[in-house]
Protein backbone atom coordinates (compact mmCIF):
# COMPACT_ATOMS: atom_id res chain seq x y z
CA MET A 1 38.25 -28.01 4.32
CA LEU A 2 34.59 -27.13 4.39
CA ALA A 3 32.07 -29.78 5.28
CA GLY A 4 28.33 -29.55 4.75
CA PRO A 5 26.32 -26.73 3.25
CA LEU A 6 27.77 -23.24 3.30
CA PRO A 7 26.03 -20.76 5.60
CA GLY A 8 24.08 -18.04 3.83
CA ILE A 9 23.27 -20.07 0.73
CA TYR A 10 19.55 -20.39 0.14
CA ASP A 11 18.55 -23.95 -0.73
CA PRO A 12 14.76 -24.17 -0.58
CA VAL A 13 13.02 -27.47 0.00
CA GLY A 14 9.34 -28.28 0.39
CA LEU A 15 7.24 -25.54 1.94
CA GLY A 16 10.10 -23.01 1.81
CA LYS A 17 10.22 -23.33 -1.97
CA LEU A 18 6.47 -22.75 -2.23
CA LEU A 19 6.62 -19.74 0.09
CA PHE A 20 9.53 -18.21 -1.86
CA ALA A 21 7.64 -18.66 -5.16
CA SER A 22 4.57 -17.05 -3.62
CA PHE A 23 6.54 -14.01 -2.42
CA ALA A 24 8.22 -13.68 -5.82
CA ALA A 25 4.87 -13.78 -7.64
CA THR A 26 3.39 -11.20 -5.25
CA ALA A 27 6.35 -8.86 -5.77
CA GLU A 28 6.11 -9.17 -9.55
CA THR A 29 2.36 -8.44 -9.47
CA GLU A 30 2.86 -5.36 -7.29
CA ARG A 31 5.62 -4.10 -9.59
CA GLU A 32 3.41 -4.52 -12.68
CA LEU A 33 0.43 -2.85 -11.00
CA GLY A 34 2.60 0.08 -9.92
CA ALA A 35 3.86 0.51 -13.47
CA GLN A 36 0.31 0.51 -14.82
CA LEU A 37 -0.81 3.09 -12.28
CA ALA A 38 2.17 5.30 -13.06
CA ARG A 39 1.23 5.32 -16.75
CA SER A 40 -2.44 6.19 -16.22
CA PRO A 41 -3.48 9.66 -17.39
CA GLU A 42 -5.04 10.58 -14.04
CA VAL A 43 -1.85 9.86 -12.13
CA ARG A 44 0.28 11.81 -14.60
CA LEU A 45 -2.10 14.78 -14.45
CA ARG A 46 -2.14 14.74 -10.63
CA ALA A 47 1.67 14.57 -10.56
CA ALA A 48 1.91 17.53 -12.95
CA VAL A 49 -0.42 19.60 -10.77
CA THR A 50 1.04 18.73 -7.35
CA GLY A 51 4.69 18.55 -8.37
CA PRO A 52 7.30 15.97 -7.41
CA THR A 53 7.02 14.04 -4.16
CA ILE A 54 9.77 12.41 -2.22
């Protein structure tokens, strides 16, 4: 039988929970900003002129 918490399961408490929430909010903000930049006319025009990048 298993006893205690399972290894590999994330169970945040205290400061770890705050840090995780901070990282999640930062990632979401970066994702939204990247989507806005990708939709801007200047970026689309530059991509059309230079071609695809990898």
